[in-house]
């Protein structure tokens, strides 16, 4: 952990306390759990807050849609629209009908009525995981827009666990669909070459594909972490210009003050967009990896 504000990345690091205005700090307790000393950190607490927010919002939404009722109100319509977007534009088109072969897949791509949109689709069994990924990442990102909180997804250990979870889902769904052996054998695609050459190429391709499987999930971790951390770091640097010129002449300080505040607002709006974009990208890539796992080459 960094000690003090001399650390360039202090703004995006995790600490066992919350920073408050005027230099005050709210320390977090250390918990004794089965003989282990667990120090709570702000990112741990924020992730618990995200779980509570997610539960409250979608518990309320699920009550309102029960029995086929229509959702009313801007607040609930907003969350329903996000959930339906992930279902209709990400999960169903990406995964498709799988091996179930139930008719035409054209209803996945927008040319459908309300009844067919709400019908049970073979890909819907993957929705709970993908929805959880999307909204968990989204709420973690959005909390970073609140002063003195921070984004847990700006910590590589958090995004690393999310990537491991997505990797576990890929293995689980792929092994369930194809069998454990079938899943790993399916990593090598079918190649139409003479037998002796095939014996040479297939093992090489299989090794490359398996390594790629790990790399692709590693990219999930780094992509999310880097984008969130970079945005917060840029905001901190822009605001740091104010402190750097505070002891100088007024004709330097006030222009820098105005430009820094304007730049912070502009970057903050961009960060709001990135919060949704990175949640979408994480959910989409997780869905894509599941799709490749359950559909053999």
Protein backbone atom coordinates (compact mmCIF):
# COMPACT_ATOMS: atom_id res chain seq x y z
CA UNK A 1 0.00 0.00 0.00
CA UNK A 2 1.08 3.53 -0.61
CA UNK A 3 1.92 5.75 2.28
CA UNK A 4 0.79 9.33 1.83
CA UNK A 5 -0.11 11.44 -1.14
CA UNK A 6 3.42 11.45 -2.54
CA UNK A 7 2.45 8.26 -4.32
CA UNK A 8 1.51 9.01 -7.93
CA UNK A 9 -1.29 6.42 -7.88
CA UNK A 10 -2.59 7.20 -4.40
CA UNK A 11 -5.98 8.13 -5.83
CA UNK A 12 -6.63 4.65 -7.20
CA UNK A 13 -5.06 2.47 -4.50
CA UNK A 14 -6.88 0.51 -1.84
CA UNK A 15 -6.57 1.48 1.82
CA UNK A 16 -7.92 0.26 5.18
CA UNK A 17 -9.85 3.52 5.53
CA UNK A 18 -12.08 5.95 3.66
CA UNK A 19 -10.70 9.40 2.99
CA UNK A 20 -13.01 12.24 3.98
CA UNK A 21 -12.95 15.99 3.31
CA UNK A 22 -10.39 18.19 5.07
CA UNK A 23 -7.88 15.36 5.44
CA UNK A 24 -10.04 13.26 7.76
CA UNK A 25 -10.09 9.47 7.57
CA UNK A 26 -12.66 6.84 8.50
CA UNK A 27 -10.70 3.74 9.56
CA UNK A 28 -12.11 0.30 8.82
CA UNK A 29 -12.01 -2.48 11.41
CA UNK A 30 -9.94 -5.63 11.44
CA UNK A 31 -12.02 -8.78 11.77
CA UNK A 32 -10.95 -12.01 13.47
CA UNK A 33 -12.41 -14.86 11.41
CA UNK A 34 -11.61 -18.44 12.46
CA UNK A 35 -8.31 -17.33 13.89
CA UNK A 36 -7.42 -15.25 10.81
CA UNK A 37 -6.99 -11.49 10.99
CA UNK A 38 -8.85 -9.88 8.10
CA UNK A 39 -8.33 -6.19 7.52
CA UNK A 40 -11.28 -4.60 5.78
CA UNK A 41 -10.43 -2.17 3.00
CA UNK A 42 -12.51 0.40 1.17
CA UNK A 43 -12.73 -1.72 -1.97
CA UNK A 44 -14.01 -4.67 0.08
CA UNK A 45 -16.71 -2.46 1.56
CA UNK A 46 -17.59 -0.97 -1.82
CA UNK A 47 -18.03 -4.43 -3.30
CA UNK A 48 -20.43 -5.31 -0.48
CA UNK A 49 -22.28 -2.07 -1.21
CA UNK A 50 -22.51 -3.09 -4.88
CA UNK A 51 -24.01 -6.45 -3.90
CA UNK A 52 -26.63 -4.71 -1.75
CA UNK A 53 -27.47 -2.18 -4.50
CA UNK A 54 -27.80 -4.96 -7.07
CA UNK A 55 -30.03 -7.02 -4.80
CA UNK A 56 -32.30 -4.11 -3.90
CA UNK A 57 -32.75 -2.91 -7.51
CA UNK A 58 -33.38 -6.27 -9.11
CA UNK A 59 -35.40 -7.67 -6.26
CA UNK A 60 -37.73 -4.71 -6.78
CA UNK A 61 -37.67 -5.14 -10.55
CA UNK A 62 -38.41 -8.87 -10.34
CA UNK A 63 -41.48 -8.18 -8.20
CA UNK A 64 -42.76 -5.71 -10.76
CA UNK A 65 -42.38 -8.06 -13.74
CA UNK A 66 -43.78 -11.11 -11.96
CA UNK A 67 -46.89 -12.50 -13.58
CA UNK A 68 -46.05 -10.89 -16.92
CA UNK A 69 -46.86 -7.37 -15.75
CA UNK A 70 -45.43 -4.32 -17.52
CA UNK A 71 -42.89 -2.24 -15.65
CA UNK A 72 -43.82 1.40 -15.06
CA UNK A 73 -41.72 4.34 -13.93
CA UNK A 74 -38.52 5.82 -15.34
CA UNK A 75 -36.34 4.26 -12.63
CA UNK A 76 -37.52 0.70 -13.17
CA UNK A 77 -37.78 1.08 -16.96
CA UNK A 78 -34.13 2.13 -17.06
CA UNK A 79 -32.88 -1.04 -15.35
CA UNK A 80 -35.28 -3.24 -17.29
CA UNK A 81 -34.02 -1.71 -20.55
CA UNK A 82 -30.39 -2.46 -19.63
CA UNK A 83 -31.24 -6.04 -18.68
CA UNK A 84 -33.21 -6.60 -21.88
CA UNK A 85 -30.41 -5.09 -23.96
CA UNK A 86 -27.92 -7.58 -22.55
CA UNK A 87 -30.40 -10.40 -23.16
CA UNK A 88 -31.53 -9.48 -26.69
CA UNK A 89 -28.35 -7.91 -28.11
CA UNK A 90 -25.59 -9.83 -26.35
CA UNK A 91 -26.51 -13.22 -24.91
CA UNK A 92 -29.11 -14.54 -27.37
CA UNK A 93 -27.38 -13.48 -30.61
CA UNK A 94 -23.90 -14.49 -29.40
CA UNK A 95 -24.77 -17.90 -27.98
CA UNK A 96 -27.65 -18.67 -30.34
CA UNK A 97 -29.68 -21.85 -30.06
CA UNK A 98 -26.71 -24.03 -29.19
CA UNK A 99 -27.25 -27.67 -30.04
CA UNK A 100 -30.95 -27.55 -29.29
CA UNK A 101 -31.84 -26.68 -32.89
CA UNK A 102 -35.20 -25.14 -32.12
CA UNK A 103 -36.18 -23.54 -35.40
CA UNK A 104 -35.09 -20.27 -36.90
CA UNK A 105 -32.69 -17.98 -35.07
CA UNK A 106 -33.96 -14.81 -36.72
CA UNK A 107 -35.86 -13.83 -33.58
CA UNK A 108 -32.52 -13.12 -31.92
CA UNK A 109 -31.73 -10.17 -34.13
CA UNK A 110 -34.50 -7.71 -33.58
CA UNK A 111 -37.18 -8.74 -36.13
CA UNK A 112 -39.58 -10.18 -33.56
CA UNK A 113 -42.72 -9.26 -31.73
CA UNK A 114 -43.07 -8.87 -27.96
CA UNK A 115 -44.30 -12.43 -27.47
CA UNK A 116 -41.31 -14.03 -29.17
CA UNK A 117 -38.92 -11.63 -27.41
CA UNK A 118 -40.18 -12.80 -24.02
CA UNK A 119 -40.31 -16.50 -24.94
CA UNK A 120 -37.88 -18.85 -23.27
CA UNK A 121 -34.71 -19.08 -25.34
CA UNK A 122 -32.04 -21.80 -24.96
CA UNK A 123 -29.39 -19.12 -24.31
CA UNK A 124 -31.36 -17.67 -21.40
CA UNK A 125 -29.86 -20.20 -19.00
CA UNK A 126 -26.61 -18.23 -19.24
CA UNK A 127 -28.31 -14.92 -18.47
CA UNK A 128 -27.92 -14.99 -14.65
CA UNK A 129 -24.14 -15.18 -14.94
CA UNK A 130 -23.84 -12.56 -17.68
CA UNK A 131 -26.29 -10.20 -15.97
CA UNK A 132 -24.32 -10.58 -12.74
CA UNK A 133 -21.07 -9.73 -14.53
CA UNK A 134 -22.55 -6.70 -16.28
CA UNK A 135 -24.29 -5.08 -13.33
CA UNK A 136 -21.57 -5.91 -10.82
CA UNK A 137 -18.91 -4.28 -12.99
CA UNK A 138 -21.22 -1.37 -13.84
CA UNK A 139 -22.03 -0.51 -10.23
CA UNK A 140 -18.38 -0.84 -9.19
CA UNK A 141 -17.47 1.56 -11.98
CA UNK A 142 -20.21 4.05 -11.13
CA UNK A 143 -19.26 4.26 -7.46
CA UNK A 144 -15.98 5.76 -8.61
CA UNK A 145 -17.90 8.85 -9.76
CA UNK A 146 -18.74 9.64 -6.13
CA UNK A 147 -16.02 11.70 -4.40
CA UNK A 148 -13.94 9.93 -1.73
CA UNK A 149 -15.16 6.47 -2.66
CA UNK A 150 -13.32 4.87 -5.59
CA UNK A 151 -13.82 2.10 -8.13
CA UNK A 152 -13.05 -1.42 -6.97
CA UNK A 153 -12.58 -2.34 -10.63
CA UNK A 154 -9.55 -0.03 -10.66
CA UNK A 155 -7.75 -2.65 -8.54
CA UNK A 156 -6.17 -5.47 -10.53
CA UNK A 157 -6.84 -8.04 -7.79
CA UNK A 158 -10.58 -7.39 -8.13
CA UNK A 159 -10.58 -7.61 -11.91
CA UNK A 160 -8.35 -10.68 -11.66
CA UNK A 161 -10.95 -12.49 -9.57
CA UNK A 162 -13.66 -11.44 -12.02
CA UNK A 163 -11.59 -12.87 -14.88
CA UNK A 164 -11.04 -16.12 -12.96
CA UNK A 165 -14.80 -16.33 -12.39
CA UNK A 166 -15.44 -15.87 -16.12
CA UNK A 167 -12.80 -18.52 -16.86
CA UNK A 168 -14.51 -20.90 -14.43
CA UNK A 169 -17.86 -20.28 -16.13
CA UNK A 170 -16.29 -21.03 -19.52
CA UNK A 171 -14.87 -24.32 -18.24
CA UNK A 172 -18.09 -25.27 -16.46
CA UNK A 173 -20.48 -24.58 -19.33
CA UNK A 174 -18.11 -26.01 -21.95
CA UNK A 175 -17.52 -29.20 -19.96
CA UNK A 176 -21.22 -29.58 -19.26
CA UNK A 177 -22.07 -29.27 -22.97
CA UNK A 178 -19.25 -31.30 -24.50
CA UNK A 179 -17.94 -33.33 -21.57
CA UNK A 180 -14.63 -32.61 -19.85
CA UNK A 181 -12.58 -34.51 -22.40
CA UNK A 182 -14.64 -33.22 -25.31
CA UNK A 183 -14.18 -29.62 -24.19
CA UNK A 184 -10.39 -29.86 -24.13
CA UNK A 185 -10.22 -31.83 -27.37
CA UNK A 186 -12.47 -29.25 -29.05
CA UNK A 187 -9.81 -26.59 -28.47
CA UNK A 188 -8.11 -27.85 -31.63
CA UNK A 189 -10.24 -27.09 -34.70
CA UNK A 190 -10.82 -29.59 -37.49
CA UNK A 191 -8.25 -29.20 -40.24
CA UNK A 192 -8.55 -30.84 -43.64
CA UNK A 193 -4.96 -31.92 -44.31
CA UNK A 194 -3.25 -35.27 -45.04
CA UNK A 195 -2.90 -37.65 -42.10
CA UNK A 196 0.86 -37.32 -41.38
CA UNK A 197 0.72 -33.53 -41.54
CA UNK A 198 -2.35 -33.55 -39.33
CA UNK A 199 -0.45 -35.50 -36.66
CA UNK A 200 2.16 -32.75 -36.63
CA UNK A 201 -0.14 -29.73 -36.81
CA UNK A 202 -2.93 -30.73 -34.44
CA UNK A 203 -0.81 -30.89 -31.25
CA UNK A 204 0.77 -27.54 -32.08
CA UNK A 205 -2.58 -25.91 -32.78
CA UNK A 206 -4.05 -27.42 -29.62
CA UNK A 207 -1.28 -25.97 -27.46
CA UNK A 208 -1.69 -22.55 -29.08
CA UNK A 209 -5.46 -22.62 -28.57
CA UNK A 210 -5.18 -23.65 -24.91
CA UNK A 211 -2.64 -20.91 -24.23
CA UNK A 212 -4.96 -18.51 -26.03
CA UNK A 213 -7.82 -19.60 -23.77
CA UNK A 214 -5.86 -18.44 -20.72
CA UNK A 215 -4.64 -15.27 -22.42
CA UNK A 216 -8.14 -14.24 -23.50
CA UNK A 217 -9.39 -14.39 -19.92
CA UNK A 218 -6.27 -12.60 -18.71
CA UNK A 219 -7.13 -9.78 -21.11
CA UNK A 220 -10.51 -9.48 -19.34
CA UNK A 221 -8.63 -8.64 -16.16
CA UNK A 222 -6.14 -6.19 -17.64
CA UNK A 223 -8.59 -4.39 -19.96
CA UNK A 224 -11.06 -3.52 -17.21
CA UNK A 225 -8.39 -2.62 -14.65
CA UNK A 226 -6.38 -0.45 -17.05
CA UNK A 227 -9.36 1.54 -18.34
CA UNK A 228 -10.81 2.31 -14.92
CA UNK A 229 -7.45 3.06 -13.29
CA UNK A 230 -6.37 5.27 -16.21
CA UNK A 231 -9.50 7.41 -16.03
CA UNK A 232 -9.17 8.07 -12.31
CA UNK A 233 -5.46 8.74 -12.65
CA UNK A 234 -6.05 11.32 -15.38
CA UNK A 235 -8.63 13.08 -13.20
CA UNK A 236 -6.19 13.15 -10.27
CA UNK A 237 -3.39 14.53 -12.45
CA UNK A 238 -5.61 17.27 -13.90
CA UNK A 239 -6.74 18.37 -10.44
CA UNK A 240 -3.12 18.18 -9.30
CA UNK A 241 -2.32 21.10 -11.60
CA UNK A 242 -4.31 23.32 -9.23
CA UNK A 243 -2.13 22.39 -6.26
CA UNK A 244 1.01 22.77 -8.36
CA UNK A 245 0.20 26.42 -9.17
CA UNK A 246 -1.50 27.41 -5.91
CA UNK A 247 1.60 29.13 -4.58
CA UNK A 248 2.34 31.00 -7.80
CA UNK A 249 1.14 34.24 -9.34
CA UNK A 250 -2.60 34.79 -9.68
CA UNK A 251 -2.39 35.14 -13.46
CA UNK A 252 -1.13 31.53 -13.58
CA UNK A 253 -3.27 30.08 -10.81
CA UNK A 254 -6.74 31.20 -11.97
CA UNK A 255 -6.42 30.11 -15.63
CA UNK A 256 -5.07 26.75 -14.47
CA UNK A 257 -7.88 26.50 -11.91
CA UNK A 258 -10.55 27.10 -14.55
CA UNK A 259 -8.92 24.77 -17.11
CA UNK A 260 -8.43 22.00 -14.54
CA UNK A 261 -12.02 22.12 -13.34
CA UNK A 262 -13.27 22.13 -16.94
CA UNK A 263 -10.97 19.25 -17.82
CA UNK A 264 -12.10 17.30 -14.77
CA UNK A 265 -15.76 17.73 -15.76
CA UNK A 266 -15.03 16.61 -19.33
CA UNK A 267 -13.03 13.57 -18.18
CA UNK A 268 -15.73 12.81 -15.60
CA UNK A 269 -18.37 12.67 -18.33
CA UNK A 270 -16.10 10.43 -20.38
CA UNK A 271 -15.60 8.22 -17.32
CA UNK A 272 -19.37 7.89 -16.97
CA UNK A 273 -19.53 6.62 -20.55
CA UNK A 274 -16.55 4.30 -19.94
CA UNK A 275 -18.28 2.87 -16.85
CA UNK A 276 -21.12 1.56 -19.03
CA UNK A 277 -18.87 0.67 -21.95
CA UNK A 278 -16.45 -1.44 -19.92
CA UNK A 279 -19.30 -3.27 -18.19
CA UNK A 280 -20.75 -4.05 -21.63
CA UNK A 281 -17.38 -5.20 -22.99
CA UNK A 282 -16.77 -7.47 -20.01
CA UNK A 283 -20.25 -9.01 -20.32
CA UNK A 284 -19.94 -9.38 -24.09
CA UNK A 285 -16.51 -11.04 -23.96
CA UNK A 286 -17.61 -13.36 -21.16
CA UNK A 287 -20.60 -14.35 -23.30
CA UNK A 288 -18.39 -14.81 -26.35
CA UNK A 289 -16.03 -17.11 -24.45
CA UNK A 290 -18.96 -19.19 -23.19
CA UNK A 291 -20.30 -19.41 -26.73
CA UNK A 292 -16.97 -20.67 -28.10
CA UNK A 293 -16.79 -23.18 -25.25
CA UNK A 294 -20.18 -24.77 -25.91
CA UNK A 295 -19.86 -24.77 -29.69
CA UNK A 296 -17.05 -27.05 -30.86
CA UNK A 297 -14.78 -25.77 -33.64
